[in-house]
Amino acid sequence: MPRDFSRSTRVSELIQREVANVVQQSMNDPRAAAVTITHTRMTRDMSSARIFFIMQGDKQAIKETEKVLNKASGFIRHELISRIELRYIPKLHFAYDQSIERGLRIGKLIDDVMYKERGKNKG
């Protein structure tokens, strides 16, 4: 019988929660204050974690925040050492989560098609 949650999944969820806490509570940079951590992907050997975030703002602000978070990854990793009891804390890499924007764009396209279809059926 397969396990429902693998170790890497549990560690990934734990790191996501703790990184969100560190970013919100311990970082002094105001650019990171508006960030929401959406999910984390771990490598199989758990040596590296890609942490996805969302925020409001233009593309320039998002890129700047991504740079700030990646520069602060050492600080965040150090904070995780005192919060999580793991033998090895993975290297952290931050990336903007575009899935919400893609979902909104797809939803809009579907709405446009449905609107056009309704217009054809009425006429």
N, C-alpha and C. Protein backbone atom coordinates (compact mmCIF):
# COMPACT_ATOMS: atom_id res chain seq x y z
N MET A 1 0.85 -1.18 0.00
CA MET A 1 0.00 0.00 0.00
C MET A 1 0.89 1.25 0.00
N PRO A 2 0.73 2.16 -0.95
CA PRO A 2 1.59 3.34 -1.01
C PRO A 2 1.28 4.31 0.13
N ARG A 3 2.32 5.03 0.50
CA ARG A 3 2.14 6.04 1.53
C ARG A 3 1.44 7.26 0.96
N ASP A 4 0.62 7.88 1.80
CA ASP A 4 -0.09 9.08 1.35
C ASP A 4 0.84 10.28 1.27
N PHE A 5 1.74 10.39 2.24
CA PHE A 5 2.64 11.53 2.28
C PHE A 5 4.07 11.03 2.41
N SER A 6 4.89 11.37 1.45
CA SER A 6 6.29 10.99 1.53
C SER A 6 7.03 11.96 2.44
N ARG A 7 8.21 11.58 2.82
CA ARG A 7 9.02 12.44 3.68
C ARG A 7 9.29 13.78 3.00
N SER A 8 9.61 13.74 1.72
CA SER A 8 9.91 14.99 1.02
C SER A 8 8.69 15.90 0.97
N THR A 9 7.50 15.34 0.87
CA THR A 9 6.28 16.16 0.87
C THR A 9 6.08 16.81 2.24
N ARG A 10 6.28 16.04 3.30
CA ARG A 10 6.14 16.59 4.65
C ARG A 10 7.18 17.67 4.92
N VAL A 11 8.42 17.43 4.52
CA VAL A 11 9.48 18.42 4.73
C VAL A 11 9.19 19.67 3.89
N SER A 12 8.71 19.47 2.68
CA SER A 12 8.38 20.59 1.80
C SER A 12 7.30 21.47 2.42
N GLU A 13 6.26 20.86 2.98
CA GLU A 13 5.18 21.64 3.61
C GLU A 13 5.68 22.36 4.86
N LEU A 14 6.54 21.72 5.62
CA LEU A 14 7.10 22.34 6.81
C LEU A 14 7.97 23.54 6.44
N ILE A 15 8.80 23.37 5.44
CA ILE A 15 9.65 24.48 4.99
C ILE A 15 8.80 25.62 4.46
N GLN A 16 7.74 25.31 3.73
CA GLN A 16 6.86 26.36 3.21
C GLN A 16 6.28 27.19 4.35
N ARG A 17 5.76 26.53 5.38
CA ARG A 17 5.18 27.25 6.52
C ARG A 17 6.22 28.12 7.22
N GLU A 18 7.38 27.54 7.46
CA GLU A 18 8.40 28.27 8.21
C GLU A 18 9.01 29.41 7.40
N VAL A 19 9.20 29.21 6.10
CA VAL A 19 9.71 30.29 5.25
C VAL A 19 8.71 31.44 5.23
N ALA A 20 7.42 31.12 5.14
CA ALA A 20 6.39 32.16 5.17
C ALA A 20 6.47 32.95 6.48
N ASN A 21 6.67 32.26 7.60
CA ASN A 21 6.80 32.95 8.89
C ASN A 21 8.03 33.84 8.93
N VAL A 22 9.15 33.34 8.44
CA VAL A 22 10.39 34.13 8.45
C VAL A 22 10.24 35.37 7.58
N VAL A 23 9.69 35.19 6.38
CA VAL A 23 9.54 36.33 5.46
C VAL A 23 8.62 37.39 6.07
N GLN A 24 7.55 36.97 6.70
CA GLN A 24 6.59 37.93 7.25
C GLN A 24 7.07 38.57 8.55
N GLN A 25 7.79 37.82 9.38
CA GLN A 25 8.11 38.30 10.71
C GLN A 25 9.54 38.76 10.90
N SER A 26 10.49 38.15 10.24
CA SER A 26 11.90 38.42 10.55
C SER A 26 12.63 39.27 9.53
N MET A 27 12.09 39.39 8.35
CA MET A 27 12.79 40.21 7.34
C MET A 27 12.39 41.67 7.50
N ASN A 28 13.38 42.53 7.41
CA ASN A 28 13.14 43.97 7.57
C ASN A 28 12.89 44.68 6.25
N ASP A 29 13.00 43.97 5.15
CA ASP A 29 12.83 44.59 3.84
C ASP A 29 11.35 44.74 3.52
N PRO A 30 10.88 45.97 3.28
CA PRO A 30 9.45 46.18 3.00
C PRO A 30 8.99 45.53 1.70
N ARG A 31 9.90 45.27 0.78
CA ARG A 31 9.52 44.62 -0.48
C ARG A 31 9.06 43.20 -0.25
N ALA A 32 9.55 42.57 0.80
CA ALA A 32 9.18 41.19 1.10
C ALA A 32 7.91 41.09 1.93
N ALA A 33 7.44 42.20 2.45
CA ALA A 33 6.26 42.18 3.32
C ALA A 33 4.98 41.79 2.58
N ALA A 34 4.91 42.09 1.30
CA ALA A 34 3.69 41.83 0.52
C ALA A 34 3.69 40.45 -0.15
N VAL A 35 4.62 39.61 0.23
CA VAL A 35 4.79 38.31 -0.41
C VAL A 35 3.94 37.25 0.28
N THR A 36 3.33 36.38 -0.52
CA THR A 36 2.63 35.21 0.00
C THR A 36 3.28 33.98 -0.61
N ILE A 37 3.71 33.06 0.23
CA ILE A 37 4.34 31.83 -0.24
C ILE A 37 3.22 30.86 -0.63
N THR A 38 3.25 30.38 -1.89
CA THR A 38 2.17 29.53 -2.38
C THR A 38 2.49 28.04 -2.28
N HIS A 39 3.68 27.64 -2.69
CA HIS A 39 4.06 26.24 -2.56
C HIS A 39 5.57 26.08 -2.70
N THR A 40 6.02 24.89 -2.36
CA THR A 40 7.45 24.57 -2.38
C THR A 40 7.65 23.26 -3.09
N ARG A 41 8.69 23.20 -3.90
CA ARG A 41 9.06 21.94 -4.56
C ARG A 41 10.48 21.58 -4.12
N MET A 42 10.62 20.36 -3.66
CA MET A 42 11.91 19.86 -3.20
C MET A 42 12.51 18.94 -4.26
N THR A 43 13.84 18.91 -4.33
CA THR A 43 14.48 17.90 -5.14
C THR A 43 14.36 16.56 -4.42
N ARG A 44 14.56 15.48 -5.14
CA ARG A 44 14.42 14.15 -4.54
C ARG A 44 15.34 13.93 -3.35
N ASP A 45 16.56 14.47 -3.47
CA ASP A 45 17.51 14.28 -2.37
C ASP A 45 17.35 15.34 -1.28
N MET A 46 16.38 16.22 -1.43
CA MET A 46 16.05 17.27 -0.46
C MET A 46 17.22 18.21 -0.19
N SER A 47 18.07 18.40 -1.18
CA SER A 47 19.20 19.32 -1.02
C SER A 47 18.84 20.73 -1.47
N SER A 48 17.75 20.85 -2.21
CA SER A 48 17.36 22.14 -2.76
C SER A 48 15.84 22.27 -2.75
N ALA A 49 15.38 23.48 -2.49
CA ALA A 49 13.94 23.74 -2.48
C ALA A 49 13.65 24.99 -3.31
N ARG A 50 12.70 24.87 -4.22
CA ARG A 50 12.22 26.03 -4.98
C ARG A 50 10.94 26.49 -4.31
N ILE A 51 10.96 27.74 -3.89
CA ILE A 51 9.84 28.31 -3.14
C ILE A 51 9.14 29.32 -4.03
N PHE A 52 7.86 29.08 -4.27
CA PHE A 52 7.08 29.93 -5.15
C PHE A 52 6.28 30.94 -4.32
N PHE A 53 6.21 32.16 -4.82
CA PHE A 53 5.50 33.22 -4.12
C PHE A 53 4.64 34.01 -5.08
N ILE A 54 3.66 34.70 -4.54
CA ILE A 54 2.85 35.64 -5.32
C ILE A 54 2.87 36.98 -4.60
N MET A 55 2.57 38.01 -5.35
CA MET A 55 2.45 39.35 -4.80
C MET A 55 1.77 40.23 -5.85
N GLN A 56 1.26 41.34 -5.39
CA GLN A 56 0.68 42.29 -6.32
C GLN A 56 1.75 43.28 -6.72
N GLY A 57 1.66 43.73 -7.95
CA GLY A 57 2.63 44.70 -8.43
C GLY A 57 2.94 44.46 -9.89
N ASP A 58 3.69 45.37 -10.45
CA ASP A 58 4.07 45.23 -11.85
C ASP A 58 5.25 44.27 -11.97
N LYS A 59 5.62 43.94 -13.20
CA LYS A 59 6.67 42.96 -13.44
C LYS A 59 8.00 43.39 -12.85
N GLN A 60 8.28 44.68 -12.88
CA GLN A 60 9.54 45.18 -12.33
C GLN A 60 9.60 44.96 -10.81
N ALA A 61 8.50 45.25 -10.12
CA ALA A 61 8.47 45.04 -8.67
C ALA A 61 8.58 43.56 -8.33
N ILE A 62 7.98 42.71 -9.13
CA ILE A 62 8.06 41.27 -8.89
C ILE A 62 9.49 40.78 -9.07
N LYS A 63 10.15 41.22 -10.14
CA LYS A 63 11.54 40.82 -10.37
C LYS A 63 12.45 41.32 -9.25
N GLU A 64 12.22 42.54 -8.81
CA GLU A 64 13.02 43.11 -7.72
C GLU A 64 12.82 42.31 -6.43
N THR A 65 11.59 41.96 -6.14
CA THR A 65 11.29 41.17 -4.93
C THR A 65 11.91 39.79 -5.03
N GLU A 66 11.87 39.20 -6.21
CA GLU A 66 12.50 37.88 -6.41
C GLU A 66 14.00 37.96 -6.13
N LYS A 67 14.64 39.03 -6.60
CA LYS A 67 16.07 39.23 -6.33
C LYS A 67 16.33 39.39 -4.83
N VAL A 68 15.48 40.18 -4.17
CA VAL A 68 15.64 40.40 -2.73
C VAL A 68 15.52 39.08 -1.97
N LEU A 69 14.52 38.28 -2.31
CA LEU A 69 14.32 37.00 -1.62
C LEU A 69 15.48 36.05 -1.88
N ASN A 70 15.98 36.01 -3.11
CA ASN A 70 17.10 35.12 -3.40
C ASN A 70 18.37 35.58 -2.71
N LYS A 71 18.57 36.89 -2.58
CA LYS A 71 19.72 37.39 -1.83
C LYS A 71 19.59 37.09 -0.35
N ALA A 72 18.37 37.08 0.15
CA ALA A 72 18.13 36.82 1.58
C ALA A 72 18.00 35.33 1.87
N SER A 73 18.19 34.48 0.87
CA SER A 73 17.99 33.05 1.09
C SER A 73 18.94 32.49 2.15
N GLY A 74 20.15 33.02 2.24
CA GLY A 74 21.08 32.59 3.28
C GLY A 74 20.57 32.93 4.67
N PHE A 75 20.06 34.15 4.83
CA PHE A 75 19.47 34.56 6.11
C PHE A 75 18.27 33.70 6.46
N ILE A 76 17.40 33.47 5.47
CA ILE A 76 16.19 32.68 5.71
C ILE A 76 16.57 31.24 6.07
N ARG A 77 17.56 30.71 5.37
CA ARG A 77 18.02 29.35 5.66
C ARG A 77 18.58 29.27 7.08
N HIS A 78 19.34 30.28 7.48
CA HIS A 78 19.88 30.33 8.84
C HIS A 78 18.76 30.37 9.88
N GLU A 79 17.71 31.13 9.60
CA GLU A 79 16.56 31.18 10.50
C GLU A 79 15.86 29.82 10.59
N LEU A 80 15.81 29.11 9.47
CA LEU A 80 15.18 27.79 9.47
C LEU A 80 15.94 26.79 10.33
N ILE A 81 17.25 26.95 10.41
CA ILE A 81 18.06 26.04 11.22
C ILE A 81 17.59 26.04 12.67
N SER A 82 17.23 27.21 13.18
CA SER A 82 16.79 27.28 14.57
C SER A 82 15.32 26.90 14.74
N ARG A 83 14.56 26.83 13.65
CA ARG A 83 13.13 26.55 13.74
C ARG A 83 12.75 25.11 13.38
N ILE A 84 13.57 24.47 12.57
CA ILE A 84 13.26 23.13 12.07
C ILE A 84 14.36 22.17 12.50
N GLU A 85 13.96 21.03 12.98
CA GLU A 85 14.93 20.02 13.39
C GLU A 85 15.17 19.05 12.24
N LEU A 86 16.04 19.46 11.34
CA LEU A 86 16.47 18.61 10.23
C LEU A 86 17.98 18.54 10.24
N ARG A 87 18.51 17.44 9.77
CA ARG A 87 19.95 17.29 9.70
C ARG A 87 20.54 18.27 8.69
N TYR A 88 19.81 18.49 7.61
CA TYR A 88 20.29 19.37 6.55
C TYR A 88 19.13 20.25 6.08
N ILE A 89 19.36 21.55 6.09
CA ILE A 89 18.36 22.50 5.56
C ILE A 89 18.70 22.72 4.09
N PRO A 90 17.73 22.53 3.20
CA PRO A 90 18.02 22.66 1.76
C PRO A 90 18.35 24.09 1.35
N LYS A 91 19.04 24.20 0.24
CA LYS A 91 19.30 25.51 -0.35
C LYS A 91 17.97 26.03 -0.88
N LEU A 92 17.75 27.32 -0.72
CA LEU A 92 16.47 27.93 -1.09
C LEU A 92 16.61 28.76 -2.36
N HIS A 93 15.67 28.57 -3.25
CA HIS A 93 15.61 29.35 -4.49
C HIS A 93 14.17 29.85 -4.63
N PHE A 94 14.01 31.14 -4.81
CA PHE A 94 12.68 31.74 -4.89
C PHE A 94 12.32 32.03 -6.34
N ALA A 95 11.04 31.82 -6.66
CA ALA A 95 10.54 32.09 -8.01
C ALA A 95 9.10 32.58 -7.90
N TYR A 96 8.74 33.50 -8.78
CA TYR A 96 7.38 34.02 -8.82
C TYR A 96 6.45 32.94 -9.37
N ASP A 97 5.32 32.74 -8.72
CA ASP A 97 4.33 31.73 -9.11
C ASP A 97 3.37 32.34 -10.12
N GLN A 98 3.49 31.90 -11.36
CA GLN A 98 2.66 32.45 -12.43
C GLN A 98 1.38 31.66 -12.64
N SER A 99 1.13 30.64 -11.86
CA SER A 99 -0.04 29.78 -12.09
C SER A 99 -1.35 30.54 -11.91
N ILE A 100 -1.41 31.47 -10.99
CA ILE A 100 -2.65 32.22 -10.78
C ILE A 100 -2.93 33.12 -11.98
N GLU A 101 -1.89 33.79 -12.48
CA GLU A 101 -2.08 34.63 -13.66
C GLU A 101 -2.51 33.79 -14.87
N ARG A 102 -1.90 32.61 -15.02
CA ARG A 102 -2.29 31.73 -16.13
C ARG A 102 -3.74 31.30 -15.98
N GLY A 103 -4.14 30.96 -14.77
CA GLY A 103 -5.53 30.55 -14.53
C GLY A 103 -6.51 31.66 -14.85
N LEU A 104 -6.18 32.88 -14.46
CA LEU A 104 -7.06 34.01 -14.77
C LEU A 104 -7.15 34.24 -16.28
N ARG A 105 -6.00 34.12 -16.96
CA ARG A 105 -5.99 34.32 -18.41
C ARG A 105 -6.82 33.23 -19.11
N ILE A 106 -6.69 31.99 -18.67
CA ILE A 106 -7.48 30.89 -19.26
C ILE A 106 -8.97 31.10 -18.97
N GLY A 107 -9.30 31.52 -17.74
CA GLY A 107 -10.69 31.80 -17.40
C GLY A 107 -11.28 32.89 -18.28
N LYS A 108 -10.49 33.93 -18.56
CA LYS A 108 -10.95 35.00 -19.42
C LYS A 108 -11.17 34.50 -20.84
N LEU A 109 -10.26 33.68 -21.33
CA LEU A 109 -10.43 33.12 -22.68
C LEU A 109 -11.70 32.26 -22.77
N ILE A 110 -11.95 31.47 -21.75
CA ILE A 110 -13.16 30.65 -21.73
C ILE A 110 -14.41 31.53 -21.70
N ASP A 111 -14.37 32.57 -20.88
CA ASP A 111 -15.50 33.50 -20.83
C ASP A 111 -15.74 34.16 -22.18
N ASP A 112 -14.66 34.55 -22.87
CA ASP A 112 -14.78 35.17 -24.20
C ASP A 112 -15.43 34.20 -25.19
N VAL A 113 -14.99 32.95 -25.17
CA VAL A 113 -15.56 31.95 -26.08
C VAL A 113 -17.03 31.72 -25.76
N MET A 114 -17.36 31.62 -24.49
CA MET A 114 -18.76 31.41 -24.09
C MET A 114 -19.62 32.61 -24.51
N TYR A 115 -19.10 33.81 -24.38
CA TYR A 115 -19.84 35.01 -24.78
C TYR A 115 -20.09 35.00 -26.29
N LYS A 116 -19.08 34.62 -27.07
CA LYS A 116 -19.23 34.56 -28.52
C LYS A 116 -20.23 33.47 -28.92
N GLU A 117 -20.18 32.34 -28.23
CA GLU A 117 -21.11 31.24 -28.53
C GLU A 117 -22.56 31.66 -28.24
N ARG A 118 -22.76 32.37 -27.13
CA ARG A 118 -24.10 32.84 -26.81
C ARG A 118 -24.60 33.81 -27.88
N GLY A 119 -23.72 34.64 -28.39
CA GLY A 119 -24.09 35.59 -29.44
C GLY A 119 -24.48 34.88 -30.73
N LYS A 120 -23.80 33.80 -31.06
CA LYS A 120 -24.13 33.03 -32.27
C LYS A 120 -25.45 32.30 -32.12
N ASN A 121 -25.73 31.78 -30.93
CA ASN A 121 -26.96 31.00 -30.71
C ASN A 121 -28.19 31.89 -30.71
N LYS A 122 -28.06 33.14 -30.33
CA LYS A 122 -29.21 34.05 -30.29
C LYS A 122 -29.61 34.54 -31.68
N GLY A 123 -28.64 34.63 -32.56
CA GLY A 123 -28.89 35.23 -33.86
C GLY A 123 -29.28 34.30 -34.89
